[in-house]
N, C-alpha and C. Protein backbone atom coordinates (compact mmCIF):
# COMPACT_ATOMS: atom_id res chain seq x y z
N MET A 1 -115.37 -91.43 -102.97
CA MET A 1 -114.74 -90.19 -102.71
C MET A 1 -114.13 -90.52 -101.11
N ALA A 2 -112.76 -90.21 -100.97
CA ALA A 2 -112.28 -90.23 -99.57
C ALA A 2 -112.51 -88.96 -98.88
N ALA A 3 -112.74 -89.08 -97.38
CA ALA A 3 -112.40 -87.91 -96.73
C ALA A 3 -111.87 -88.13 -95.26
N VAL A 4 -111.26 -87.31 -94.81
CA VAL A 4 -110.66 -87.46 -93.38
C VAL A 4 -111.65 -86.77 -92.45
N ILE A 5 -112.22 -87.75 -91.51
CA ILE A 5 -113.19 -86.95 -90.75
C ILE A 5 -112.62 -87.41 -89.06
N SER A 6 -112.23 -86.52 -88.45
CA SER A 6 -111.65 -86.84 -86.99
C SER A 6 -112.85 -87.22 -86.05
N GLY A 7 -112.63 -87.70 -84.83
CA GLY A 7 -113.40 -88.04 -83.94
C GLY A 7 -112.66 -88.53 -82.59
N ILE A 8 -113.68 -88.64 -81.55
CA ILE A 8 -113.04 -89.41 -80.20
C ILE A 8 -113.86 -90.73 -80.18
N VAL A 9 -113.14 -91.34 -79.22
CA VAL A 9 -113.81 -92.82 -78.71
C VAL A 9 -114.37 -92.43 -77.58
N LYS A 10 -115.62 -92.79 -77.28
CA LYS A 10 -116.43 -92.67 -75.91
C LYS A 10 -117.22 -93.97 -75.66
N GLY A 11 -116.71 -94.58 -74.58
CA GLY A 11 -117.49 -95.87 -74.32
C GLY A 11 -117.24 -96.84 -75.25
N GLY A 12 -116.02 -96.75 -75.70
CA GLY A 12 -115.45 -97.93 -76.87
C GLY A 12 -116.08 -97.71 -78.11
N LEU A 13 -116.89 -96.62 -78.50
CA LEU A 13 -117.49 -96.45 -79.72
C LEU A 13 -116.91 -95.30 -80.20
N VAL A 14 -116.57 -95.11 -81.48
CA VAL A 14 -116.00 -94.02 -82.28
C VAL A 14 -117.16 -92.99 -82.44
N VAL A 15 -116.91 -91.82 -82.02
CA VAL A 15 -117.86 -90.79 -82.34
C VAL A 15 -117.09 -89.76 -83.25
N PRO A 16 -117.64 -89.45 -84.63
CA PRO A 16 -117.00 -88.53 -85.42
C PRO A 16 -117.46 -87.13 -85.19
N SER A 17 -116.53 -86.20 -85.41
CA SER A 17 -116.78 -84.75 -85.19
C SER A 17 -117.71 -84.05 -86.20
N SER A 18 -118.09 -84.81 -87.23
CA SER A 18 -119.06 -84.23 -88.15
C SER A 18 -119.92 -85.69 -88.42
N PRO A 19 -121.29 -85.26 -88.78
CA PRO A 19 -122.04 -86.44 -89.21
C PRO A 19 -121.63 -87.37 -90.44
N LEU A 20 -122.02 -88.51 -90.58
CA LEU A 20 -121.57 -89.26 -91.80
C LEU A 20 -122.65 -89.81 -92.30
N PRO A 21 -122.68 -90.05 -93.65
CA PRO A 21 -123.88 -90.47 -94.32
C PRO A 21 -124.26 -92.01 -93.97
N GLU A 22 -125.53 -92.22 -94.12
CA GLU A 22 -125.85 -93.50 -93.68
C GLU A 22 -125.37 -94.48 -94.88
N GLY A 23 -125.17 -95.69 -94.17
CA GLY A 23 -124.25 -96.64 -95.18
C GLY A 23 -122.72 -96.34 -95.47
N ALA A 24 -122.27 -95.21 -95.21
CA ALA A 24 -120.96 -95.18 -95.34
C ALA A 24 -119.85 -96.12 -95.06
N ARG A 25 -119.00 -96.65 -95.63
CA ARG A 25 -117.81 -97.36 -95.42
C ARG A 25 -116.67 -96.48 -94.80
N VAL A 26 -116.10 -96.91 -93.46
CA VAL A 26 -115.15 -96.20 -92.75
C VAL A 26 -114.08 -97.20 -92.54
N GLU A 27 -112.83 -96.27 -92.36
CA GLU A 27 -111.73 -97.22 -91.90
C GLU A 27 -111.05 -96.14 -91.12
N THR A 28 -110.81 -96.81 -89.78
CA THR A 28 -110.25 -96.29 -88.65
C THR A 28 -108.87 -96.23 -88.41
N LEU A 29 -107.70 -95.17 -88.44
CA LEU A 29 -106.59 -95.09 -88.23
C LEU A 29 -106.31 -94.32 -87.06
N LEU A 30 -105.66 -95.14 -86.14
CA LEU A 30 -105.50 -94.60 -84.70
C LEU A 30 -104.23 -93.64 -84.84
N GLY A 31 -104.19 -92.60 -84.03
CA GLY A 31 -102.97 -91.87 -83.92
C GLY A 31 -102.17 -92.61 -82.88
N ASP A 32 -100.77 -92.16 -83.06
CA ASP A 32 -99.90 -93.09 -82.23
C ASP A 32 -99.21 -92.24 -81.18
N SER A 33 -99.74 -92.45 -79.96
CA SER A 33 -99.60 -91.59 -78.55
C SER A 33 -98.77 -92.56 -77.68
N PRO A 34 -98.10 -92.27 -76.67
CA PRO A 34 -97.34 -93.35 -75.87
C PRO A 34 -98.44 -93.82 -75.11
N GLU A 35 -99.62 -93.12 -74.53
CA GLU A 35 -100.65 -93.67 -73.79
C GLU A 35 -101.38 -94.58 -74.59
N LEU A 36 -101.52 -94.65 -75.89
CA LEU A 36 -102.28 -95.43 -76.85
C LEU A 36 -101.17 -96.79 -76.88
N GLN A 37 -99.99 -96.62 -77.04
CA GLN A 37 -99.52 -97.94 -77.19
C GLN A 37 -99.35 -98.56 -76.00
N ALA A 38 -99.38 -97.80 -74.89
CA ALA A 38 -99.29 -98.60 -73.63
C ALA A 38 -100.57 -99.44 -73.41
N GLU A 39 -101.60 -98.85 -73.80
CA GLU A 39 -102.97 -99.70 -73.68
C GLU A 39 -103.06 -100.79 -74.76
N PHE A 40 -102.35 -100.51 -75.84
CA PHE A 40 -102.29 -101.75 -76.72
C PHE A 40 -101.74 -102.90 -75.98
N ARG A 41 -100.32 -102.37 -75.53
CA ARG A 41 -99.59 -103.59 -74.89
C ARG A 41 -100.39 -104.18 -73.78
N ALA A 42 -101.15 -103.50 -73.08
CA ALA A 42 -101.87 -104.20 -71.85
C ALA A 42 -102.79 -104.97 -72.36
N TRP A 43 -103.74 -104.64 -73.65
CA TRP A 43 -104.84 -105.48 -74.21
C TRP A 43 -103.82 -106.82 -74.80
N ASP A 44 -102.81 -106.63 -75.46
CA ASP A 44 -102.10 -107.74 -76.06
C ASP A 44 -101.59 -108.85 -74.86
N PHE A 45 -101.18 -108.26 -73.56
CA PHE A 45 -101.01 -109.07 -72.52
C PHE A 45 -102.01 -109.83 -72.04
N ALA A 46 -103.02 -109.04 -71.84
CA ALA A 46 -104.46 -109.67 -71.42
C ALA A 46 -104.84 -110.74 -72.13
N SER A 47 -104.71 -110.57 -73.48
CA SER A 47 -105.23 -111.27 -74.63
C SER A 47 -104.26 -112.48 -74.62
N ASP A 48 -103.03 -112.48 -74.61
CA ASP A 48 -101.98 -113.54 -74.23
C ASP A 48 -102.14 -114.56 -73.12
N THR A 49 -102.62 -113.84 -71.87
CA THR A 49 -102.64 -114.45 -70.68
C THR A 49 -103.93 -115.37 -70.85
N ALA A 50 -105.15 -114.66 -71.41
CA ALA A 50 -106.29 -115.28 -71.66
C ALA A 50 -106.37 -116.66 -72.38
N LEU A 51 -105.51 -116.45 -73.65
CA LEU A 51 -105.19 -117.55 -74.36
C LEU A 51 -104.54 -118.69 -73.86
N GLU A 52 -103.56 -118.39 -72.95
CA GLU A 52 -102.58 -119.53 -72.30
C GLU A 52 -103.67 -120.22 -71.13
N LEU A 53 -104.68 -119.57 -70.52
CA LEU A 53 -105.61 -120.36 -69.53
C LEU A 53 -106.46 -121.20 -70.50
N VAL A 54 -106.99 -120.74 -71.73
CA VAL A 54 -107.81 -121.70 -72.37
C VAL A 54 -107.10 -122.94 -73.07
N GLU A 55 -105.64 -122.57 -73.25
CA GLU A 55 -105.05 -123.70 -73.77
C GLU A 55 -104.71 -124.65 -72.75
N GLN A 56 -104.65 -124.09 -71.34
CA GLN A 56 -104.45 -125.00 -70.23
C GLN A 56 -105.59 -126.04 -70.10
N ILE A 57 -106.79 -125.58 -70.45
CA ILE A 57 -107.83 -126.18 -70.10
C ILE A 57 -107.81 -127.57 -71.18
N GLY A 58 -107.43 -127.17 -72.39
CA GLY A 58 -107.23 -128.22 -73.66
C GLY A 58 -108.92 -128.08 -74.29
N LYS A 59 -109.28 -129.03 -74.59
CA LYS A 59 -110.41 -129.32 -75.43
C LYS A 59 -111.81 -128.93 -74.72
N PRO A 60 -112.57 -128.43 -75.35
CA PRO A 60 -113.85 -128.10 -74.46
C PRO A 60 -114.58 -129.45 -73.91
N GLU A 61 -114.17 -130.56 -74.59
CA GLU A 61 -114.80 -131.95 -74.00
C GLU A 61 -114.16 -132.19 -72.71
N ASP A 62 -112.78 -131.88 -72.51
CA ASP A 62 -112.00 -132.02 -71.42
C ASP A 62 -112.59 -131.27 -70.13
N ALA A 63 -113.00 -130.01 -70.73
CA ALA A 63 -113.46 -129.05 -69.65
C ALA A 63 -114.76 -129.49 -69.04
N LEU A 64 -115.61 -129.86 -69.92
CA LEU A 64 -116.74 -130.42 -69.53
C LEU A 64 -116.86 -131.78 -68.77
N ALA A 65 -116.03 -132.48 -69.12
CA ALA A 65 -115.82 -133.68 -68.33
C ALA A 65 -115.34 -133.35 -66.78
N PHE A 66 -114.34 -132.50 -66.74
CA PHE A 66 -113.82 -131.91 -65.53
C PHE A 66 -115.11 -131.42 -64.64
N TRP A 67 -115.97 -130.59 -65.44
CA TRP A 67 -117.14 -129.95 -64.56
C TRP A 67 -118.09 -130.82 -64.10
N ASP A 68 -118.33 -131.98 -65.06
CA ASP A 68 -119.18 -133.06 -64.91
C ASP A 68 -118.76 -133.72 -63.56
N ALA A 69 -117.62 -133.94 -63.51
CA ALA A 69 -116.80 -134.71 -62.33
C ALA A 69 -116.98 -133.86 -61.04
N LEU A 70 -116.92 -132.52 -61.06
CA LEU A 70 -117.10 -131.97 -59.93
C LEU A 70 -118.73 -132.11 -59.37
N GLN A 71 -119.64 -132.51 -60.11
CA GLN A 71 -120.86 -132.36 -60.00
C GLN A 71 -121.57 -133.70 -59.39
N GLU A 72 -120.54 -134.70 -59.44
CA GLU A 72 -120.95 -135.96 -59.14
C GLU A 72 -120.83 -136.34 -57.39
N THR A 73 -121.94 -136.98 -56.93
CA THR A 73 -121.91 -137.24 -55.60
C THR A 73 -120.48 -138.04 -55.14
N PRO A 74 -119.63 -137.76 -54.16
CA PRO A 74 -118.74 -138.64 -53.84
C PRO A 74 -119.12 -140.05 -53.38
N ARG A 75 -118.33 -141.11 -54.01
CA ARG A 75 -118.93 -142.46 -53.31
C ARG A 75 -117.80 -142.92 -52.34
N LEU A 76 -118.10 -143.73 -51.43
CA LEU A 76 -117.11 -144.33 -50.52
C LEU A 76 -116.62 -145.63 -51.11
N THR A 77 -115.31 -145.81 -50.80
CA THR A 77 -114.68 -146.90 -50.96
C THR A 77 -115.13 -148.30 -49.99
N PRO A 78 -114.94 -149.48 -50.25
CA PRO A 78 -115.38 -150.45 -49.48
C PRO A 78 -114.78 -150.11 -48.11
N ALA A 79 -113.29 -149.72 -48.01
CA ALA A 79 -112.93 -149.79 -46.62
C ALA A 79 -113.50 -148.56 -46.03
N GLN A 80 -113.86 -147.45 -46.58
CA GLN A 80 -114.62 -146.37 -45.89
C GLN A 80 -115.94 -146.82 -45.46
N LYS A 81 -116.70 -147.48 -46.43
CA LYS A 81 -118.14 -148.09 -45.94
C LYS A 81 -117.89 -149.00 -44.51
N GLU A 82 -117.05 -149.99 -44.63
CA GLU A 82 -116.51 -150.91 -43.47
C GLU A 82 -116.46 -149.81 -42.31
N LEU A 83 -115.51 -148.84 -42.27
CA LEU A 83 -115.08 -147.93 -41.30
C LEU A 83 -116.43 -147.38 -40.62
N ALA A 84 -117.25 -146.79 -41.38
CA ALA A 84 -118.56 -146.23 -41.17
C ALA A 84 -119.38 -147.13 -40.44
N ARG A 85 -119.29 -148.51 -41.09
CA ARG A 85 -120.45 -149.54 -40.26
C ARG A 85 -119.75 -149.76 -38.64
N LEU A 86 -118.47 -149.86 -38.89
CA LEU A 86 -117.72 -149.85 -37.49
C LEU A 86 -118.34 -148.88 -36.37
N MET A 87 -118.00 -147.77 -37.04
CA MET A 87 -118.03 -146.69 -35.97
C MET A 87 -119.76 -146.29 -35.70
N ARG A 88 -120.51 -146.84 -36.43
CA ARG A 88 -122.16 -146.78 -36.12
C ARG A 88 -122.51 -147.86 -35.02
N GLY A 89 -121.57 -148.88 -35.27
CA GLY A 89 -121.84 -149.89 -34.20
C GLY A 89 -121.23 -149.66 -32.93
N ALA A 90 -120.27 -148.82 -32.90
CA ALA A 90 -119.44 -148.32 -31.67
C ALA A 90 -120.18 -147.27 -30.75
N ILE A 91 -121.23 -146.59 -31.48
CA ILE A 91 -121.76 -145.46 -30.79
C ILE A 91 -123.09 -145.91 -30.25
């Protein structure tokens, strides 16, 4: 049996205006207001932007390799080592 029960959204949860039976299957149909359309457009934009950022990172392995590279201790080149040796001797 189908029934129409209205409600509101509070804290991201749908709160029906009357009690629902335990285990009832529900389908949510949103009213079409300008405010709601604007919010959906904002969510779509944010979602698209987040997806672009994820795609820039590439594969998860690439992101992990980049992170691991940041954690490594920097190593001096032979020229830098020679310069440091010379500077220590000059002091």
